N, C-alpha and C. Protein backbone atom coordinates (compact mmCIF):
# COMPACT_ATOMS: atom_id res chain seq x y z
N MET A 1 185.32 20.45 159.96
CA MET A 1 185.30 19.28 159.64
C MET A 1 184.23 18.71 159.16
N SER A 2 183.02 19.26 158.59
CA SER A 2 182.74 19.04 157.86
C SER A 2 182.58 18.63 156.20
N GLN A 3 184.43 19.75 156.17
CA GLN A 3 185.09 20.00 154.63
C GLN A 3 185.98 18.99 154.87
N VAL A 4 186.71 17.79 155.72
CA VAL A 4 187.36 17.04 155.57
C VAL A 4 186.36 16.00 155.14
N VAL A 5 185.60 15.23 155.92
CA VAL A 5 184.53 14.25 155.75
C VAL A 5 183.82 14.30 154.38
N GLY A 6 183.48 15.78 153.50
CA GLY A 6 183.45 15.41 152.59
C GLY A 6 184.69 15.07 151.48
N ILE A 7 185.96 15.56 151.79
CA ILE A 7 186.92 15.30 151.32
C ILE A 7 187.44 13.31 150.87
N ILE A 8 187.05 13.13 151.90
CA ILE A 8 187.40 11.62 152.25
C ILE A 8 186.35 10.81 151.70
N ALA A 9 185.30 11.50 151.75
CA ALA A 9 184.27 11.06 150.87
C ALA A 9 183.84 11.19 149.70
N ALA A 10 184.64 12.30 149.13
CA ALA A 10 184.22 11.98 147.35
C ALA A 10 185.47 11.37 146.95
N THR A 11 187.01 11.35 147.81
CA THR A 11 188.02 11.08 147.36
C THR A 11 188.17 9.51 147.02
N CYS A 12 187.03 8.93 148.41
CA CYS A 12 186.76 7.19 148.14
C CYS A 12 185.96 7.22 146.42
N THR A 13 184.71 7.44 147.05
CA THR A 13 183.47 7.70 145.62
C THR A 13 184.72 7.81 144.19
N THR A 14 185.55 8.82 144.16
CA THR A 14 186.42 8.56 142.15
C THR A 14 186.97 7.85 142.64
N LEU A 15 188.23 6.96 143.84
CA LEU A 15 188.95 6.79 143.13
C LEU A 15 187.79 4.98 143.32
N SER A 16 187.03 4.65 143.35
CA SER A 16 186.56 3.43 143.19
C SER A 16 186.20 3.36 141.81
N PHE A 17 185.61 4.45 140.66
CA PHE A 17 185.57 3.92 139.47
C PHE A 17 186.93 4.05 139.13
N VAL A 18 187.99 4.49 139.62
CA VAL A 18 189.02 4.09 138.44
C VAL A 18 189.73 2.46 138.41
N PRO A 19 189.50 1.94 138.90
CA PRO A 19 189.50 -0.10 138.84
C PRO A 19 188.67 -0.41 137.67
N GLN A 20 187.14 -0.06 137.56
CA GLN A 20 186.33 -0.26 136.47
C GLN A 20 187.08 0.46 134.73
N ALA A 21 187.17 1.42 135.12
CA ALA A 21 187.52 2.04 133.88
C ALA A 21 189.09 2.07 133.62
N ILE A 22 190.31 1.49 133.93
CA ILE A 22 190.93 0.84 133.78
C ILE A 22 190.81 -0.99 132.99
N MET A 23 190.45 -1.29 133.52
CA MET A 23 189.46 -2.28 133.37
C MET A 23 188.60 -2.65 131.89
N THR A 24 188.21 -1.66 131.45
CA THR A 24 187.21 -1.55 130.90
C THR A 24 188.16 -1.01 129.09
N ILE A 25 188.76 0.00 129.74
CA ILE A 25 189.46 0.90 128.74
C ILE A 25 190.30 -0.19 128.14
N LYS A 26 191.22 -1.17 128.75
CA LYS A 26 192.53 -1.81 128.72
C LYS A 26 191.09 -3.53 127.63
N THR A 27 190.25 -3.17 128.81
CA THR A 27 189.53 -4.99 127.63
C THR A 27 188.32 -4.33 126.98
N GLN A 28 188.02 -3.76 126.46
CA GLN A 28 187.18 -3.20 125.95
C GLN A 28 185.57 -4.17 126.29
N ASN A 29 185.86 -4.28 126.88
CA ASN A 29 184.51 -5.34 127.40
C ASN A 29 183.54 -4.81 127.96
N THR A 30 181.78 -4.70 127.66
CA THR A 30 181.42 -3.74 128.84
C THR A 30 180.48 -5.08 128.69
N SER A 31 179.98 -6.19 128.49
CA SER A 31 178.99 -7.56 128.41
C SER A 31 177.94 -7.13 129.55
N SER A 32 178.73 -7.25 130.71
CA SER A 32 178.34 -6.85 131.77
C SER A 32 177.68 -5.85 132.54
N ILE A 33 177.89 -4.73 131.97
CA ILE A 33 177.51 -3.32 132.48
C ILE A 33 176.05 -3.15 132.27
N SER A 34 176.05 -2.72 132.94
CA SER A 34 174.64 -1.91 131.97
C SER A 34 174.50 -0.76 132.14
N SER A 35 174.10 -0.71 130.96
CA SER A 35 173.77 0.88 130.20
C SER A 35 173.01 2.60 130.62
N ALA A 36 171.93 1.46 130.90
CA ALA A 36 171.00 1.77 131.56
C ALA A 36 171.74 2.93 132.86
N MET A 37 172.32 2.03 133.51
CA MET A 37 172.84 2.35 134.88
C MET A 37 173.52 3.53 134.66
N TYR A 38 174.78 3.54 133.93
CA TYR A 38 175.76 3.93 133.66
C TYR A 38 175.39 5.35 132.61
N PHE A 39 174.62 5.52 131.96
CA PHE A 39 173.35 6.71 131.33
C PHE A 39 172.88 7.69 132.56
N ILE A 40 172.43 6.70 133.35
CA ILE A 40 171.20 7.82 134.53
C ILE A 40 172.77 7.98 135.89
N PHE A 41 173.65 7.31 136.15
CA PHE A 41 174.72 7.93 137.05
C PHE A 41 175.32 9.29 136.42
N THR A 42 176.22 8.56 135.22
CA THR A 42 176.33 9.40 134.53
C THR A 42 176.07 11.29 134.40
N THR A 43 174.48 11.42 134.70
CA THR A 43 174.18 12.21 134.32
C THR A 43 173.36 12.83 135.44
N GLY A 44 174.21 11.76 136.73
CA GLY A 44 173.21 12.28 138.17
C GLY A 44 175.21 12.83 138.51
N VAL A 45 175.90 12.54 137.84
CA VAL A 45 177.09 13.05 138.01
C VAL A 45 177.64 14.23 137.34
N PHE A 46 177.23 14.24 136.42
CA PHE A 46 176.69 15.80 135.87
C PHE A 46 176.14 16.66 136.34
N PHE A 47 174.98 16.56 136.94
CA PHE A 47 174.04 17.16 138.06
C PHE A 47 174.75 17.54 138.89
N TRP A 48 175.39 17.18 139.70
CA TRP A 48 176.61 16.96 140.99
C TRP A 48 177.58 17.87 140.64
N THR A 49 177.71 18.11 140.03
CA THR A 49 179.20 18.75 138.87
C THR A 49 178.45 20.46 139.33
N VAL A 50 177.57 19.94 138.44
CA VAL A 50 176.68 21.96 138.30
C VAL A 50 176.29 22.19 139.10
N TYR A 51 176.13 20.83 140.14
CA TYR A 51 175.43 21.35 142.15
C TYR A 51 176.87 22.61 142.64
N GLY A 52 177.36 21.87 142.65
CA GLY A 52 178.97 22.19 142.84
C GLY A 52 179.51 23.37 142.47
N ILE A 53 179.44 23.97 141.48
CA ILE A 53 179.51 24.56 140.70
C ILE A 53 178.91 26.35 141.38
N PHE A 54 177.38 26.26 141.25
CA PHE A 54 176.48 27.19 141.58
C PHE A 54 176.35 27.29 143.35
N GLU A 55 176.73 25.92 143.99
CA GLU A 55 177.69 26.35 145.26
C GLU A 55 179.32 27.05 145.53
N LYS A 56 179.81 27.41 144.37
CA LYS A 56 181.11 27.36 144.60
C LYS A 56 182.26 26.21 145.60
N SER A 57 182.14 25.44 146.04
CA SER A 57 182.13 23.77 146.28
C SER A 57 183.35 23.25 145.74
N PRO A 58 184.35 23.38 145.68
CA PRO A 58 185.47 22.44 145.39
C PRO A 58 185.78 21.33 145.25
N THR A 59 185.14 21.22 146.72
CA THR A 59 184.54 19.77 147.63
C THR A 59 184.04 18.42 146.42
N ILE A 60 182.95 19.32 146.17
CA ILE A 60 181.52 18.56 145.49
C ILE A 60 182.46 18.69 143.86
N ILE A 61 182.98 20.29 143.10
CA ILE A 61 183.86 20.23 141.94
C ILE A 61 184.62 18.91 141.42
N VAL A 62 185.92 18.94 141.89
CA VAL A 62 186.37 18.39 141.08
C VAL A 62 186.46 16.82 141.03
N PRO A 63 185.75 16.30 142.77
CA PRO A 63 185.76 14.40 142.53
C PRO A 63 184.89 14.42 141.38
N ASN A 64 183.03 15.24 141.60
CA ASN A 64 182.62 15.14 139.65
C ASN A 64 182.73 14.92 138.76
N VAL A 65 184.00 16.19 139.05
CA VAL A 65 184.75 15.96 137.00
C VAL A 65 185.00 14.99 137.21
N ILE A 66 185.83 14.14 137.66
CA ILE A 66 186.82 13.36 137.37
C ILE A 66 186.30 12.08 136.88
N THR A 67 185.25 11.66 138.17
CA THR A 67 184.24 10.83 138.32
C THR A 67 183.67 10.84 137.12
N PHE A 68 182.99 12.24 136.50
CA PHE A 68 181.84 12.32 135.16
C PHE A 68 183.08 11.60 134.24
N VAL A 69 184.33 11.98 134.30
CA VAL A 69 185.54 12.07 133.07
C VAL A 69 185.54 10.17 132.48
N LEU A 70 185.51 9.29 134.62
CA LEU A 70 185.93 8.39 133.90
C LEU A 70 184.24 7.55 133.39
N ALA A 71 183.56 7.85 134.00
CA ALA A 71 181.97 6.54 134.33
C ALA A 71 181.88 7.70 132.02
N MET A 72 182.36 8.88 131.86
CA MET A 72 181.98 8.79 130.18
C MET A 72 182.64 8.16 129.10
N SER A 73 183.72 8.03 129.86
CA SER A 73 184.59 6.90 129.77
C SER A 73 184.25 5.71 128.86
N ILE A 74 183.10 4.83 130.30
CA ILE A 74 182.97 3.62 129.94
C ILE A 74 182.13 4.15 129.55
N LEU A 75 180.93 5.34 129.88
CA LEU A 75 179.40 4.47 128.27
C LEU A 75 179.76 4.97 127.55
N ILE A 76 181.09 5.99 126.80
CA ILE A 76 180.83 5.36 125.16
C ILE A 76 181.96 4.40 125.34
N ILE A 77 181.97 3.84 125.65
CA ILE A 77 182.87 1.86 125.40
C ILE A 77 181.69 1.17 125.26
N ILE A 78 180.93 1.69 126.16
CA ILE A 78 179.39 0.91 126.69
C ILE A 78 178.43 0.79 125.11
N VAL A 79 178.40 1.95 124.74
CA VAL A 79 177.60 2.15 123.55
C VAL A 79 178.06 2.18 122.39
N LYS A 80 179.81 2.21 121.80
CA LYS A 80 180.69 1.95 121.00
C LYS A 80 180.72 0.47 120.98
N ASN A 81 180.36 -0.39 121.66
CA ASN A 81 180.03 -1.73 121.63
C ASN A 81 178.75 -2.29 121.11
N GLN A 82 178.09 -1.39 122.08
CA GLN A 82 176.24 -1.27 121.45
C GLN A 82 176.07 -1.53 120.37
N LEU A 83 176.53 -0.56 119.34
CA LEU A 83 176.53 0.03 118.12
C LEU A 83 177.27 -1.20 116.86
N ASN A 84 178.26 -1.80 117.66
CA ASN A 84 179.12 -2.49 116.99
C ASN A 84 178.67 -3.55 117.00
N ALA A 85 177.72 -4.38 117.94
CA ALA A 85 177.03 -5.50 117.98
C ALA A 85 175.61 -5.73 117.25
N THR A 86 174.62 -4.65 116.80
CA THR A 86 174.15 -4.38 116.68
C THR A 86 174.06 -4.18 114.87
N ASN A 87 175.90 -3.58 114.47
CA ASN A 87 176.20 -3.45 112.69
C ASN A 87 176.66 -5.57 112.71
N GLU A 88 176.49 -5.81 113.87
CA GLU A 88 177.09 -7.44 113.62
C GLU A 88 176.09 -8.22 113.12
N ASN A 89 174.94 -8.13 113.81
CA ASN A 89 173.69 -8.47 113.66
C ASN A 89 173.38 -8.27 113.01
N ALA A 90 172.91 -7.06 111.84
CA ALA A 90 172.80 -6.54 110.78
C ALA A 90 173.03 -7.80 109.77
N THR A 91 174.43 -7.60 109.94
CA THR A 91 175.54 -7.93 109.44
C THR A 91 175.88 -9.71 108.96
N ASN A 92 175.16 -10.74 109.72
CA ASN A 92 174.32 -11.19 110.65
C ASN A 92 173.39 -11.77 109.88
N ASN A 93 172.33 -11.31 109.70
CA ASN A 93 171.71 -11.82 109.36
C ASN A 93 171.26 -11.19 107.79
N ALA A 94 172.18 -10.37 107.11
CA ALA A 94 171.92 -10.42 105.66
C ALA A 94 172.74 -11.62 105.21
N THR A 95 173.86 -11.84 106.24
CA THR A 95 174.17 -12.43 105.65
C THR A 95 173.26 -14.18 105.36
N ASN A 96 172.39 -14.16 106.39
CA ASN A 96 172.14 -15.89 106.65
C ASN A 96 170.84 -15.69 105.70
N ASN A 97 170.61 -14.93 105.20
CA ASN A 97 168.96 -13.65 104.03
C ASN A 97 169.43 -15.15 103.58
N ALA A 98 170.93 -14.66 102.66
CA ALA A 98 171.03 -14.45 101.58
C ALA A 98 171.56 -16.19 100.88
N THR A 99 172.22 -16.19 102.19
CA THR A 99 172.04 -18.39 102.25
C THR A 99 171.25 -18.55 102.50
N ILE A 100 169.67 -18.47 102.97
CA ILE A 100 168.64 -19.02 103.12
C ILE A 100 168.57 -18.96 101.12
N LYS A 101 168.32 -17.74 100.63
CA LYS A 101 167.61 -17.48 99.80
C LYS A 101 169.04 -18.08 98.76
N THR A 102 169.96 -18.53 98.89
CA THR A 102 170.20 -19.95 97.48
C THR A 102 169.91 -20.76 98.05
N SER A 103 170.42 -21.39 99.42
CA SER A 103 169.57 -22.75 99.21
C SER A 103 168.18 -23.10 98.71
N LYS A 104 167.55 -22.38 98.94
CA LYS A 104 165.45 -22.09 98.37
C LYS A 104 166.28 -22.74 97.30
N LYS A 105 167.16 -21.88 96.37
CA LYS A 105 167.15 -21.65 94.76
C LYS A 105 168.16 -23.33 94.65
N HIS A 106 169.15 -24.21 95.21
CA HIS A 106 169.30 -24.82 94.82
C HIS A 106 168.08 -26.26 95.12
N HIS A 107 167.75 -26.22 95.84
CA HIS A 107 166.80 -27.34 96.32
C HIS A 107 165.35 -27.02 95.14
N ARG A 108 164.98 -26.29 94.74
CA ARG A 108 163.99 -25.44 93.65
C ARG A 108 164.38 -26.27 92.57
N GLY A 109 165.76 -26.37 91.82
CA GLY A 109 166.60 -26.98 91.21
C GLY A 109 166.47 -28.19 90.77
N ARG A 110 166.84 -28.91 92.46
CA ARG A 110 167.09 -30.35 92.09
C ARG A 110 165.54 -31.05 92.48
N ALA A 111 164.84 -30.25 92.79
CA ALA A 111 163.02 -31.21 92.58
C ALA A 111 163.32 -31.30 91.24
N LYS A 112 163.22 -30.32 90.34
CA LYS A 112 162.83 -30.22 89.25
C LYS A 112 164.14 -30.91 88.05
N ILE A 113 164.86 -31.44 88.48
CA ILE A 113 165.62 -32.72 88.24
C ILE A 113 166.00 -33.87 88.41
N GLY A 114 165.31 -34.42 89.29
CA GLY A 114 163.94 -34.89 90.45
C GLY A 114 163.35 -35.69 89.04
N ARG A 115 162.35 -34.56 89.00
CA ARG A 115 160.94 -35.47 88.08
C ARG A 115 161.33 -35.38 87.00
N LEU A 116 162.68 -34.97 86.70
CA LEU A 116 162.57 -35.74 84.72
C LEU A 116 162.55 -37.43 84.74
């Protein structure tokens, strides 16, 4: 009986990740997902898998491997999006700094002309 309960629990928790994984993979939108939570969760699932291997329990191993793959897919997209956002911010900052420097040069030139 405990094996049946374990299989039902594993099936429910594993299937719960499928909609999130599908939506995240399709949209690539991770703006409302906590990267810290997903990192900790994915690490926990990894260790549950290791525990299942030590216990030689397919009821623990199989669903945790599936959940690990789904969670890792989402985590990879989260990290990729964060790296892209960091690169975009750096590019925008560099562009803004260049615009400010150019603007200051124009203002200095106008001031000199105005004094003549």
